[in-house]
Amino acid sequence: MNINILEIGLSELKSRYNQAQGQLGLLKEQQTEKQRALTSAQKNIETWQQVQVLFGKVSEFARQQLKLKIEQTVTAALQAVFERDDISFSVEMKTVGGQPAAEWAVVSQYGDVSVSGDPQDSRGGGVSDIVSLALRLALLELARPKPLGPVLLDEVGKHVSAGYAPNVAAFLKQYAEKTGRQIILITHDPNLAEVADVSYRVSQEDGVSEVVRL
């Protein structure tokens, strides 16, 4: 009788332990995803800060030309990826502490009504990712002296909805063809891998990595 009671108690403890392990695993996954989102947001902020510095270093005329070029570049990226011609990117110039500064906004047109919002808050992380990507590419082409060499990208557009992933791939392909720059990209997205001239799959088993050309 005592053994049966112990077995029942042990079974209940195992069940509770397994549930706790499952909850722990879920919490760890959520923590990892939140950390990735935080890292992505920090990279976006760093990119926008670099653009702010660039605005501060040029003359008023050059600043307006730079503003227009960045607006056109990011707007083109947003419209290409999200397949909408009623979405645009806006830069508002202002002065803070005697220094030129800029505020960013994603503008959506609904008939005669325009809705403007911060890229970080616009339609989730996907829009923010594309804005940051386009700004980084614009910085490369607008900076003087122009940086040479390839573009290195890591998990670009990972927060963009799966349905728009092929559009991200097409946008990067067009950028590479137009600028002549080589893009070296790390991704888990097959849509991005498929448009590459050369792709490699890296897998790991028992601590040993295997690289296969696709």
N, C-alpha and C. Protein backbone atom coordinates (compact mmCIF):
# COMPACT_ATOMS: atom_id res chain seq x y z
N MET A 1 0.84 -1.21 0.00
CA MET A 1 0.00 0.00 0.00
C MET A 1 0.87 1.25 0.00
N ASN A 2 1.89 1.24 0.84
CA ASN A 2 2.78 2.39 0.93
C ASN A 2 3.55 2.58 -0.37
N ILE A 3 3.92 1.41 -1.01
CA ILE A 3 4.65 1.50 -2.28
C ILE A 3 3.76 2.12 -3.36
N ASN A 4 2.49 1.73 -3.40
CA ASN A 4 1.56 2.29 -4.38
C ASN A 4 1.40 3.80 -4.20
N ILE A 5 1.31 4.21 -2.93
CA ILE A 5 1.18 5.64 -2.65
C ILE A 5 2.43 6.39 -3.11
N LEU A 6 3.59 5.78 -2.85
CA LEU A 6 4.85 6.41 -3.26
C LEU A 6 4.94 6.51 -4.78
N GLU A 7 4.51 5.43 -5.46
CA GLU A 7 4.56 5.44 -6.92
C GLU A 7 3.64 6.50 -7.50
N ILE A 8 2.45 6.65 -6.90
CA ILE A 8 1.53 7.69 -7.36
C ILE A 8 2.12 9.08 -7.13
N GLY A 9 2.70 9.25 -5.94
CA GLY A 9 3.32 10.54 -5.63
C GLY A 9 4.48 10.84 -6.56
N LEU A 10 5.29 9.80 -6.87
CA LEU A 10 6.42 9.97 -7.78
C LEU A 10 5.94 10.34 -9.18
N SER A 11 4.86 9.68 -9.62
CA SER A 11 4.30 9.96 -10.92
C SER A 11 3.82 11.40 -11.02
N GLU A 12 3.18 11.89 -9.96
CA GLU A 12 2.71 13.27 -9.95
C GLU A 12 3.87 14.25 -9.99
N LEU A 13 4.94 13.91 -9.23
CA LEU A 13 6.11 14.77 -9.22
C LEU A 13 6.77 14.83 -10.60
N LYS A 14 6.84 13.66 -11.29
CA LYS A 14 7.41 13.62 -12.63
C LYS A 14 6.58 14.46 -13.59
N SER A 15 5.25 14.37 -13.45
CA SER A 15 4.37 15.15 -14.31
C SER A 15 4.58 16.64 -14.10
N ARG A 16 4.65 17.04 -12.84
CA ARG A 16 4.86 18.46 -12.52
C ARG A 16 6.23 18.93 -13.02
N TYR A 17 7.23 18.01 -12.89
CA TYR A 17 8.58 18.35 -13.35
C TYR A 17 8.59 18.57 -14.87
N ASN A 18 7.93 17.66 -15.60
CA ASN A 18 7.88 17.78 -17.05
C ASN A 18 7.16 19.06 -17.49
N GLN A 19 6.08 19.40 -16.75
CA GLN A 19 5.37 20.64 -17.07
C GLN A 19 6.27 21.85 -16.83
N ALA A 20 7.00 21.81 -15.71
CA ALA A 20 7.90 22.92 -15.39
C ALA A 20 9.00 23.03 -16.43
N GLN A 21 9.52 21.88 -16.90
CA GLN A 21 10.55 21.89 -17.93
C GLN A 21 10.02 22.49 -19.23
N GLY A 22 8.78 22.13 -19.56
CA GLY A 22 8.17 22.69 -20.76
C GLY A 22 8.00 24.20 -20.66
N GLN A 23 7.55 24.66 -19.50
CA GLN A 23 7.38 26.10 -19.28
C GLN A 23 8.72 26.82 -19.34
N LEU A 24 9.76 26.17 -18.76
CA LEU A 24 11.09 26.77 -18.78
C LEU A 24 11.60 26.89 -20.22
N GLY A 25 11.38 25.83 -21.01
CA GLY A 25 11.80 25.88 -22.40
C GLY A 25 11.11 26.99 -23.17
N LEU A 26 9.80 27.16 -22.92
CA LEU A 26 9.04 28.20 -23.59
C LEU A 26 9.55 29.58 -23.18
N LEU A 27 9.83 29.76 -21.89
CA LEU A 27 10.34 31.05 -21.41
C LEU A 27 11.71 31.36 -22.02
N LYS A 28 12.54 30.33 -22.17
CA LYS A 28 13.86 30.55 -22.77
C LYS A 28 13.72 30.96 -24.23
N GLU A 29 12.77 30.32 -24.96
CA GLU A 29 12.54 30.70 -26.34
C GLU A 29 12.06 32.14 -26.45
N GLN A 30 11.15 32.53 -25.54
CA GLN A 30 10.64 33.89 -25.54
C GLN A 30 11.75 34.88 -25.21
N GLN A 31 12.61 34.50 -24.26
CA GLN A 31 13.73 35.36 -23.90
C GLN A 31 14.68 35.56 -25.09
N THR A 32 14.96 34.46 -25.80
CA THR A 32 15.83 34.54 -26.97
C THR A 32 15.24 35.44 -28.04
N GLU A 33 13.93 35.30 -28.29
CA GLU A 33 13.27 36.12 -29.31
C GLU A 33 13.27 37.60 -28.91
N LYS A 34 13.01 37.87 -27.62
CA LYS A 34 13.03 39.25 -27.15
C LYS A 34 14.44 39.85 -27.28
N GLN A 35 15.45 39.03 -27.00
CA GLN A 35 16.82 39.51 -27.12
C GLN A 35 17.16 39.82 -28.56
N ARG A 36 16.68 38.97 -29.48
CA ARG A 36 16.90 39.25 -30.91
C ARG A 36 16.22 40.53 -31.33
N ALA A 37 14.99 40.73 -30.85
CA ALA A 37 14.26 41.95 -31.19
C ALA A 37 14.98 43.18 -30.64
N LEU A 38 15.52 43.06 -29.41
CA LEU A 38 16.25 44.17 -28.79
C LEU A 38 17.51 44.48 -29.59
N THR A 39 18.23 43.43 -29.99
CA THR A 39 19.45 43.63 -30.79
C THR A 39 19.13 44.31 -32.11
N SER A 40 18.04 43.87 -32.75
CA SER A 40 17.62 44.47 -34.01
C SER A 40 17.28 45.94 -33.83
N ALA A 41 16.54 46.25 -32.76
CA ALA A 41 16.17 47.65 -32.48
C ALA A 41 17.41 48.50 -32.23
N GLN A 42 18.39 47.95 -31.51
CA GLN A 42 19.62 48.70 -31.22
C GLN A 42 20.39 48.98 -32.50
N LYS A 43 20.42 48.00 -33.42
CA LYS A 43 21.09 48.21 -34.70
C LYS A 43 20.38 49.30 -35.51
N ASN A 44 19.04 49.28 -35.47
CA ASN A 44 18.27 50.29 -36.19
C ASN A 44 18.58 51.68 -35.65
N ILE A 45 18.61 51.80 -34.32
CA ILE A 45 18.90 53.09 -33.68
C ILE A 45 20.30 53.57 -34.06
N GLU A 46 21.28 52.66 -34.08
CA GLU A 46 22.64 53.02 -34.46
C GLU A 46 22.69 53.54 -35.89
N THR A 47 21.94 52.89 -36.77
CA THR A 47 21.90 53.33 -38.17
C THR A 47 21.34 54.74 -38.28
N TRP A 48 20.22 54.99 -37.58
CA TRP A 48 19.60 56.32 -37.64
C TRP A 48 20.51 57.38 -37.02
N GLN A 49 21.26 57.01 -36.00
CA GLN A 49 22.19 57.96 -35.40
C GLN A 49 23.30 58.32 -36.38
N GLN A 50 23.74 57.35 -37.17
CA GLN A 50 24.76 57.63 -38.18
C GLN A 50 24.24 58.60 -39.24
N VAL A 51 22.98 58.45 -39.61
CA VAL A 51 22.38 59.38 -40.57
C VAL A 51 22.29 60.77 -39.95
N GLN A 52 21.95 60.85 -38.68
CA GLN A 52 21.90 62.14 -37.99
C GLN A 52 23.26 62.83 -38.06
N VAL A 53 24.33 62.06 -37.80
CA VAL A 53 25.67 62.62 -37.85
C VAL A 53 25.99 63.14 -39.25
N LEU A 54 25.58 62.37 -40.27
CA LEU A 54 25.83 62.79 -41.65
C LEU A 54 25.11 64.09 -41.95
N PHE A 55 23.87 64.22 -41.51
CA PHE A 55 23.13 65.47 -41.71
C PHE A 55 23.87 66.65 -41.07
N GLY A 56 24.45 66.41 -39.91
CA GLY A 56 25.13 67.49 -39.19
C GLY A 56 26.43 67.95 -39.83
N LYS A 57 26.99 67.13 -40.71
CA LYS A 57 28.30 67.44 -41.26
C LYS A 57 28.25 68.13 -42.62
N VAL A 58 27.08 68.27 -43.17
CA VAL A 58 26.99 68.86 -44.51
C VAL A 58 26.30 70.22 -44.45
N SER A 59 26.43 71.00 -45.52
CA SER A 59 25.84 72.33 -45.59
C SER A 59 24.33 72.23 -45.76
N GLU A 60 23.66 73.37 -45.64
CA GLU A 60 22.20 73.39 -45.72
C GLU A 60 21.72 72.88 -47.08
N PHE A 61 22.35 73.33 -48.16
CA PHE A 61 21.94 72.88 -49.49
C PHE A 61 22.14 71.36 -49.62
N ALA A 62 23.34 70.91 -49.23
CA ALA A 62 23.64 69.48 -49.32
C ALA A 62 22.71 68.68 -48.41
N ARG A 63 22.33 69.29 -47.29
CA ARG A 63 21.43 68.61 -46.34
C ARG A 63 20.07 68.36 -46.98
N GLN A 64 19.57 69.37 -47.70
CA GLN A 64 18.28 69.20 -48.36
C GLN A 64 18.35 68.16 -49.47
N GLN A 65 19.46 68.15 -50.21
CA GLN A 65 19.64 67.15 -51.25
C GLN A 65 19.75 65.75 -50.64
N LEU A 66 20.46 65.67 -49.53
CA LEU A 66 20.62 64.40 -48.82
C LEU A 66 19.27 63.91 -48.28
N LYS A 67 18.50 64.84 -47.72
CA LYS A 67 17.17 64.52 -47.20
C LYS A 67 16.29 63.93 -48.31
N LEU A 68 16.29 64.58 -49.46
CA LEU A 68 15.46 64.13 -50.58
C LEU A 68 15.90 62.74 -51.06
N LYS A 69 17.22 62.54 -51.15
CA LYS A 69 17.73 61.26 -51.64
C LYS A 69 17.37 60.13 -50.68
N ILE A 70 17.50 60.38 -49.39
CA ILE A 70 17.18 59.35 -48.39
C ILE A 70 15.69 59.05 -48.41
N GLU A 71 14.86 60.09 -48.50
CA GLU A 71 13.41 59.86 -48.58
C GLU A 71 13.05 59.00 -49.78
N GLN A 72 13.65 59.32 -50.92
CA GLN A 72 13.35 58.56 -52.15
C GLN A 72 13.82 57.12 -52.03
N THR A 73 15.01 56.92 -51.47
CA THR A 73 15.57 55.57 -51.36
C THR A 73 14.74 54.69 -50.44
N VAL A 74 14.42 55.21 -49.25
CA VAL A 74 13.67 54.41 -48.28
C VAL A 74 12.24 54.20 -48.76
N THR A 75 11.64 55.22 -49.36
CA THR A 75 10.29 55.07 -49.90
C THR A 75 10.25 53.98 -50.96
N ALA A 76 11.24 53.98 -51.84
CA ALA A 76 11.31 52.96 -52.89
C ALA A 76 11.41 51.56 -52.29
N ALA A 77 12.20 51.43 -51.22
CA ALA A 77 12.35 50.13 -50.56
C ALA A 77 11.04 49.68 -49.92
N LEU A 78 10.38 50.58 -49.23
CA LEU A 78 9.10 50.24 -48.57
C LEU A 78 8.05 49.83 -49.59
N GLN A 79 7.96 50.59 -50.68
CA GLN A 79 6.94 50.29 -51.69
C GLN A 79 7.24 48.99 -52.42
N ALA A 80 8.53 48.71 -52.65
CA ALA A 80 8.91 47.48 -53.34
C ALA A 80 8.65 46.25 -52.48
N VAL A 81 8.98 46.34 -51.20
CA VAL A 81 8.84 45.18 -50.31
C VAL A 81 7.39 44.92 -49.96
N PHE A 82 6.65 45.98 -49.62
CA PHE A 82 5.27 45.80 -49.14
C PHE A 82 4.23 45.97 -50.24
N GLU A 83 4.70 46.18 -51.47
CA GLU A 83 3.81 46.24 -52.63
C GLU A 83 2.69 47.26 -52.44
N ARG A 84 3.06 48.43 -51.99
CA ARG A 84 2.09 49.50 -51.79
C ARG A 84 2.67 50.81 -52.30
N ASP A 85 1.87 51.56 -53.03
CA ASP A 85 2.33 52.86 -53.50
C ASP A 85 1.78 54.00 -52.65
N ASP A 86 1.08 53.65 -51.56
CA ASP A 86 0.53 54.67 -50.67
C ASP A 86 1.31 54.76 -49.37
N ILE A 87 2.54 54.26 -49.38
CA ILE A 87 3.39 54.33 -48.20
C ILE A 87 4.68 55.04 -48.58
N SER A 88 5.18 55.91 -47.71
CA SER A 88 6.38 56.67 -48.01
C SER A 88 7.16 56.93 -46.73
N PHE A 89 8.39 57.41 -46.92
CA PHE A 89 9.27 57.73 -45.80
C PHE A 89 9.53 59.22 -45.80
N SER A 90 9.44 59.83 -44.64
CA SER A 90 9.59 61.28 -44.53
C SER A 90 10.66 61.63 -43.50
N VAL A 91 11.47 62.63 -43.83
CA VAL A 91 12.48 63.15 -42.91
C VAL A 91 12.16 64.61 -42.62
N GLU A 92 11.97 64.94 -41.36
CA GLU A 92 11.70 66.33 -40.97
C GLU A 92 12.93 66.90 -40.30
N MET A 93 13.50 67.93 -40.91
CA MET A 93 14.70 68.56 -40.37
C MET A 93 14.33 69.57 -39.30
N LYS A 94 15.13 69.62 -38.25
CA LYS A 94 14.93 70.59 -37.19
C LYS A 94 16.27 70.89 -36.54
N THR A 95 16.28 71.82 -35.59
CA THR A 95 17.51 72.19 -34.89
C THR A 95 17.35 71.86 -33.40
N VAL A 96 18.31 71.14 -32.87
CA VAL A 96 18.31 70.77 -31.45
C VAL A 96 19.65 71.17 -30.85
N GLY A 97 19.61 72.08 -29.89
CA GLY A 97 20.84 72.54 -29.26
C GLY A 97 21.79 73.19 -30.23
N GLY A 98 21.23 73.87 -31.23
CA GLY A 98 22.06 74.54 -32.21
C GLY A 98 22.61 73.63 -33.29
N GLN A 99 22.25 72.35 -33.25
CA GLN A 99 22.74 71.39 -34.22
C GLN A 99 21.58 70.83 -35.05
N PRO A 100 21.83 70.60 -36.34
CA PRO A 100 20.77 70.02 -37.18
C PRO A 100 20.44 68.60 -36.73
N ALA A 101 19.17 68.28 -36.73
CA ALA A 101 18.72 66.94 -36.35
C ALA A 101 17.57 66.56 -37.28
N ALA A 102 17.17 65.31 -37.20
CA ALA A 102 16.11 64.83 -38.09
C ALA A 102 15.18 63.90 -37.34
N GLU A 103 13.91 63.95 -37.71
CA GLU A 103 12.93 63.01 -37.20
C GLU A 103 12.40 62.20 -38.38
N TRP A 104 12.24 60.87 -38.16
CA TRP A 104 11.81 59.98 -39.22
C TRP A 104 10.33 59.66 -39.07
N ALA A 105 9.69 59.40 -40.17
CA ALA A 105 8.28 59.01 -40.11
C ALA A 105 7.94 58.16 -41.33
N VAL A 106 7.12 57.15 -41.10
CA VAL A 106 6.53 56.37 -42.19
C VAL A 106 5.12 56.90 -42.38
N VAL A 107 4.81 57.32 -43.59
CA VAL A 107 3.54 57.97 -43.88
C VAL A 107 2.69 57.05 -44.76
N SER A 108 1.47 56.78 -44.30
CA SER A 108 0.52 55.99 -45.07
C SER A 108 -0.63 56.88 -45.52
N GLN A 109 -1.02 56.73 -46.75
CA GLN A 109 -2.10 57.55 -47.32
C GLN A 109 -3.37 56.72 -47.42
N TYR A 110 -4.42 57.16 -46.75
CA TYR A 110 -5.73 56.50 -46.82
C TYR A 110 -6.72 57.49 -47.42
N GLY A 111 -6.84 57.45 -48.75
CA GLY A 111 -7.66 58.44 -49.42
C GLY A 111 -7.04 59.81 -49.27
N ASP A 112 -7.80 60.73 -48.66
CA ASP A 112 -7.28 62.09 -48.45
C ASP A 112 -6.62 62.25 -47.08
N VAL A 113 -6.54 61.17 -46.33
CA VAL A 113 -6.00 61.23 -44.97
C VAL A 113 -4.61 60.61 -44.92
N SER A 114 -3.65 61.36 -44.35
CA SER A 114 -2.29 60.86 -44.18
C SER A 114 -2.06 60.52 -42.71
N VAL A 115 -1.52 59.35 -42.48
CA VAL A 115 -1.21 58.90 -41.12
C VAL A 115 0.29 58.72 -41.02
N SER A 116 0.90 59.46 -40.09
CA SER A 116 2.35 59.44 -39.94
C SER A 116 2.71 58.82 -38.60
N GLY A 117 3.75 57.98 -38.61
CA GLY A 117 4.17 57.33 -37.37
C GLY A 117 5.65 57.01 -37.37
N ASP A 118 6.19 56.82 -36.18
CA ASP A 118 7.59 56.44 -36.03
C ASP A 118 7.81 55.06 -36.66
N PRO A 119 8.92 54.87 -37.40
CA PRO A 119 9.17 53.55 -38.01
C PRO A 119 9.20 52.41 -37.00
N GLN A 120 9.64 52.69 -35.79
CA GLN A 120 9.71 51.65 -34.77
C GLN A 120 8.32 51.17 -34.37
N ASP A 121 7.32 52.02 -34.57
CA ASP A 121 5.96 51.67 -34.15
C ASP A 121 5.06 51.31 -35.33
N SER A 122 5.57 51.40 -36.53
CA SER A 122 4.72 51.23 -37.71
C SER A 122 4.64 49.77 -38.14
N ARG A 123 3.45 49.18 -37.97
CA ARG A 123 3.16 47.83 -38.45
C ARG A 123 4.18 46.80 -37.99
N GLY A 124 4.65 46.91 -36.77
CA GLY A 124 5.56 45.91 -36.24
C GLY A 124 6.99 46.10 -36.72
N GLY A 125 7.81 45.09 -36.43
CA GLY A 125 9.24 45.19 -36.73
C GLY A 125 9.57 45.16 -38.20
N GLY A 126 8.68 44.63 -39.04
CA GLY A 126 8.99 44.50 -40.45
C GLY A 126 9.30 45.83 -41.12
N VAL A 127 8.48 46.82 -40.88
CA VAL A 127 8.70 48.15 -41.48
C VAL A 127 10.00 48.75 -40.95
N SER A 128 10.22 48.62 -39.64
CA SER A 128 11.45 49.15 -39.04
C SER A 128 12.68 48.50 -39.66
N ASP A 129 12.62 47.19 -39.90
CA ASP A 129 13.74 46.48 -40.51
C ASP A 129 14.05 47.01 -41.91
N ILE A 130 13.01 47.22 -42.70
CA ILE A 130 13.22 47.69 -44.07
C ILE A 130 13.74 49.13 -44.08
N VAL A 131 13.21 49.96 -43.19
CA VAL A 131 13.71 51.34 -43.09
C VAL A 131 15.19 51.33 -42.74
N SER A 132 15.56 50.54 -41.74
CA SER A 132 16.96 50.47 -41.32
C SER A 132 17.85 49.95 -42.44
N LEU A 133 17.39 48.90 -43.15
CA LEU A 133 18.16 48.34 -44.26
C LEU A 133 18.38 49.38 -45.35
N ALA A 134 17.31 50.06 -45.74
CA ALA A 134 17.42 51.06 -46.80
C ALA A 134 18.32 52.23 -46.39
N LEU A 135 18.25 52.63 -45.12
CA LEU A 135 19.11 53.71 -44.64
C LEU A 135 20.57 53.30 -44.68
N ARG A 136 20.85 52.07 -44.29
CA ARG A 136 22.24 51.60 -44.33
C ARG A 136 22.78 51.59 -45.77
N LEU A 137 21.96 51.12 -46.69
CA LEU A 137 22.38 51.08 -48.09
C LEU A 137 22.55 52.50 -48.65
N ALA A 138 21.63 53.39 -48.24
CA ALA A 138 21.73 54.78 -48.69
C ALA A 138 22.99 55.44 -48.16
N LEU A 139 23.34 55.16 -46.90
CA LEU A 139 24.56 55.72 -46.32
C LEU A 139 25.79 55.31 -47.10
N LEU A 140 25.83 54.05 -47.52
CA LEU A 140 26.97 53.55 -48.29
C LEU A 140 27.14 54.33 -49.59
N GLU A 141 26.03 54.62 -50.24
CA GLU A 141 26.09 55.27 -51.55
C GLU A 141 26.25 56.79 -51.46
N LEU A 142 25.82 57.38 -50.33
CA LEU A 142 25.85 58.84 -50.21
C LEU A 142 27.08 59.36 -49.47
N ALA A 143 27.71 58.52 -48.67
CA ALA A 143 28.87 58.96 -47.90
C ALA A 143 30.02 59.34 -48.84
N ARG A 144 30.77 60.37 -48.44
CA ARG A 144 31.94 60.79 -49.20
C ARG A 144 33.12 60.93 -48.24
N PRO A 145 34.23 60.25 -48.52
CA PRO A 145 34.45 59.38 -49.68
C PRO A 145 33.58 58.12 -49.58
N LYS A 146 33.18 57.59 -50.73
CA LYS A 146 32.29 56.44 -50.76
C LYS A 146 33.04 55.18 -50.31
N PRO A 147 32.51 54.46 -49.32
CA PRO A 147 33.16 53.22 -48.89
C PRO A 147 33.13 52.19 -50.00
N LEU A 148 34.22 51.45 -50.15
CA LEU A 148 34.31 50.41 -51.15
C LEU A 148 34.10 49.04 -50.51
N GLY A 149 34.02 48.04 -51.34
CA GLY A 149 33.91 46.68 -50.82
C GLY A 149 32.49 46.19 -50.77
N PRO A 150 32.30 44.95 -50.29
CA PRO A 150 30.98 44.33 -50.27
C PRO A 150 30.11 44.84 -49.12
N VAL A 151 28.82 44.51 -49.20
CA VAL A 151 27.88 44.80 -48.12
C VAL A 151 27.68 43.51 -47.33
N LEU A 152 27.90 43.58 -46.03
CA LEU A 152 27.73 42.42 -45.16
C LEU A 152 26.42 42.55 -44.39
N LEU A 153 25.54 41.59 -44.53
CA LEU A 153 24.23 41.63 -43.88
C LEU A 153 23.99 40.33 -43.11
N ASP A 154 23.40 40.47 -41.93
CA ASP A 154 23.13 39.30 -41.08
C ASP A 154 21.64 39.24 -40.76
N GLU A 155 20.96 38.21 -41.24
CA GLU A 155 19.55 37.98 -40.96
C GLU A 155 18.70 39.21 -41.28
N VAL A 156 18.95 39.79 -42.44
CA VAL A 156 18.22 40.98 -42.83
C VAL A 156 16.73 40.66 -43.03
N GLY A 157 15.87 41.57 -42.58
CA GLY A 157 14.44 41.41 -42.78
C GLY A 157 13.83 40.24 -42.03
N LYS A 158 14.45 39.82 -40.93
CA LYS A 158 13.94 38.63 -40.23
C LYS A 158 12.59 38.87 -39.57
N HIS A 159 12.23 40.14 -39.36
CA HIS A 159 10.93 40.43 -38.77
C HIS A 159 9.86 40.75 -39.82
N VAL A 160 10.25 40.70 -41.09
CA VAL A 160 9.29 40.94 -42.17
C VAL A 160 8.44 39.69 -42.35
N SER A 161 7.15 39.87 -42.57
CA SER A 161 6.25 38.73 -42.76
C SER A 161 6.74 37.84 -43.90
N ALA A 162 6.52 36.52 -43.73
CA ALA A 162 7.02 35.54 -44.69
C ALA A 162 6.56 35.83 -46.12
N GLY A 163 5.34 36.35 -46.25
CA GLY A 163 4.80 36.62 -47.58
C GLY A 163 5.57 37.69 -48.33
N TYR A 164 6.28 38.56 -47.60
CA TYR A 164 7.03 39.64 -48.25
C TYR A 164 8.51 39.31 -48.41
N ALA A 165 8.95 38.15 -47.90
CA ALA A 165 10.36 37.78 -47.97
C ALA A 165 10.90 37.75 -49.41
N PRO A 166 10.14 37.21 -50.40
CA PRO A 166 10.64 37.25 -51.77
C PRO A 166 10.88 38.67 -52.28
N ASN A 167 10.09 39.63 -51.79
CA ASN A 167 10.26 41.01 -52.21
C ASN A 167 11.54 41.61 -51.64
N VAL A 168 11.89 41.20 -50.40
CA VAL A 168 13.16 41.64 -49.81
C VAL A 168 14.31 41.12 -50.65
N ALA A 169 14.20 39.85 -51.05
CA ALA A 169 15.24 39.24 -51.88
C ALA A 169 15.38 39.98 -53.21
N ALA A 170 14.24 40.30 -53.84
CA ALA A 170 14.27 41.00 -55.13
C ALA A 170 14.87 42.40 -54.98
N PHE A 171 14.53 43.07 -53.89
CA PHE A 171 15.06 44.42 -53.63
C PHE A 171 16.59 44.38 -53.52
N LEU A 172 17.11 43.42 -52.74
CA LEU A 172 18.57 43.30 -52.57
C LEU A 172 19.25 42.95 -53.90
N LYS A 173 18.59 42.09 -54.67
CA LYS A 173 19.14 41.71 -55.98
C LYS A 173 19.25 42.93 -56.88
N GLN A 174 18.20 43.75 -56.91
CA GLN A 174 18.20 44.96 -57.74
C GLN A 174 19.26 45.95 -57.26
N TYR A 175 19.40 46.07 -55.94
CA TYR A 175 20.41 46.98 -55.38
C TYR A 175 21.81 46.54 -55.83
N ALA A 176 22.09 45.24 -55.72
CA ALA A 176 23.40 44.73 -56.11
C ALA A 176 23.67 44.97 -57.60
N GLU A 177 22.66 44.75 -58.43
CA GLU A 177 22.83 44.93 -59.87
C GLU A 177 23.02 46.40 -60.23
N LYS A 178 22.29 47.27 -59.55
CA LYS A 178 22.34 48.71 -59.86
C LYS A 178 23.65 49.34 -59.40
N THR A 179 24.14 48.93 -58.24
CA THR A 179 25.34 49.56 -57.67
C THR A 179 26.62 48.81 -57.99
N GLY A 180 26.49 47.55 -58.40
CA GLY A 180 27.68 46.75 -58.66
C GLY A 180 28.34 46.24 -57.40
N ARG A 181 27.67 46.39 -56.28
CA ARG A 181 28.24 45.91 -55.01
C ARG A 181 27.93 44.43 -54.80
N GLN A 182 28.88 43.74 -54.23
CA GLN A 182 28.65 42.36 -53.82
C GLN A 182 27.97 42.36 -52.45
N ILE A 183 26.98 41.50 -52.29
CA ILE A 183 26.30 41.35 -51.00
C ILE A 183 26.63 39.98 -50.43
N ILE A 184 27.15 39.97 -49.22
CA ILE A 184 27.43 38.73 -48.49
C ILE A 184 26.41 38.66 -47.36
N LEU A 185 25.56 37.65 -47.40
CA LEU A 185 24.39 37.61 -46.52
C LEU A 185 24.31 36.30 -45.75
N ILE A 186 24.08 36.41 -44.46
CA ILE A 186 23.79 35.24 -43.62
C ILE A 186 22.30 35.22 -43.38
N THR A 187 21.64 34.10 -43.69
CA THR A 187 20.19 34.05 -43.55
C THR A 187 19.70 32.62 -43.35
N HIS A 188 18.54 32.52 -42.71
CA HIS A 188 17.84 31.24 -42.61
C HIS A 188 16.67 31.19 -43.62
N ASP A 189 16.50 32.29 -44.36
CA ASP A 189 15.36 32.41 -45.26
C ASP A 189 15.72 31.87 -46.64
N PRO A 190 15.07 30.81 -47.11
CA PRO A 190 15.39 30.25 -48.43
C PRO A 190 15.11 31.23 -49.57
N ASN A 191 14.16 32.15 -49.37
CA ASN A 191 13.87 33.13 -50.42
C ASN A 191 15.08 34.00 -50.72
N LEU A 192 15.82 34.36 -49.69
CA LEU A 192 17.01 35.18 -49.87
C LEU A 192 18.15 34.36 -50.46
N ALA A 193 18.25 33.11 -50.02
CA ALA A 193 19.32 32.25 -50.53
C ALA A 193 19.13 31.94 -52.01
N GLU A 194 17.89 31.82 -52.45
CA GLU A 194 17.61 31.41 -53.83
C GLU A 194 18.02 32.44 -54.87
N VAL A 195 18.02 33.73 -54.50
CA VAL A 195 18.35 34.76 -55.49
C VAL A 195 19.85 35.01 -55.58
N ALA A 196 20.62 34.39 -54.70
CA ALA A 196 22.06 34.61 -54.69
C ALA A 196 22.72 33.94 -55.89
N ASP A 197 23.81 34.53 -56.36
CA ASP A 197 24.59 33.90 -57.42
C ASP A 197 25.26 32.63 -56.90
N VAL A 198 25.69 32.67 -55.65
CA VAL A 198 26.31 31.52 -55.00
C VAL A 198 25.77 31.40 -53.59
N SER A 199 25.33 30.19 -53.21
CA SER A 199 24.80 29.96 -51.87
C SER A 199 25.49 28.76 -51.23
N TYR A 200 25.67 28.87 -49.92
CA TYR A 200 26.24 27.76 -49.16
C TYR A 200 25.32 27.45 -47.97
N ARG A 201 25.13 26.19 -47.73
CA ARG A 201 24.39 25.78 -46.54
C ARG A 201 25.37 25.27 -45.49
N VAL A 202 25.27 25.83 -44.29
CA VAL A 202 26.15 25.43 -43.19
C VAL A 202 25.31 24.68 -42.16
N SER A 203 25.69 23.45 -41.89
CA SER A 203 25.00 22.65 -40.87
C SER A 203 26.03 22.17 -39.86
N GLN A 204 25.52 21.77 -38.71
CA GLN A 204 26.43 21.33 -37.65
C GLN A 204 25.88 20.10 -36.96
N GLU A 205 26.76 19.14 -36.72
CA GLU A 205 26.37 17.93 -36.01
C GLU A 205 27.54 17.48 -35.13
N ASP A 206 27.24 17.28 -33.84
CA ASP A 206 28.27 16.87 -32.88
C ASP A 206 29.46 17.83 -32.87
N GLY A 207 29.14 19.13 -33.00
CA GLY A 207 30.18 20.14 -32.93
C GLY A 207 31.00 20.30 -34.20
N VAL A 208 30.65 19.54 -35.27
CA VAL A 208 31.40 19.62 -36.52
C VAL A 208 30.54 20.30 -37.57
N SER A 209 31.06 21.37 -38.18
CA SER A 209 30.31 22.11 -39.20
C SER A 209 30.56 21.52 -40.58
N GLU A 210 29.52 21.51 -41.38
CA GLU A 210 29.63 21.04 -42.75
C GLU A 210 29.12 22.14 -43.68
N VAL A 211 29.90 22.48 -44.69
CA VAL A 211 29.55 23.53 -45.65
C VAL A 211 29.33 22.89 -47.01
N VAL A 212 28.14 23.12 -47.57
CA VAL A 212 27.78 22.54 -48.86
C VAL A 212 27.36 23.65 -49.81
N ARG A 213 27.94 23.68 -51.00
CA ARG A 213 27.53 24.66 -52.01
C ARG A 213 26.24 24.19 -52.66
N LEU A 214 25.24 25.10 -52.70
CA LEU A 214 23.94 24.74 -53.25
C LEU A 214 23.87 25.02 -54.76
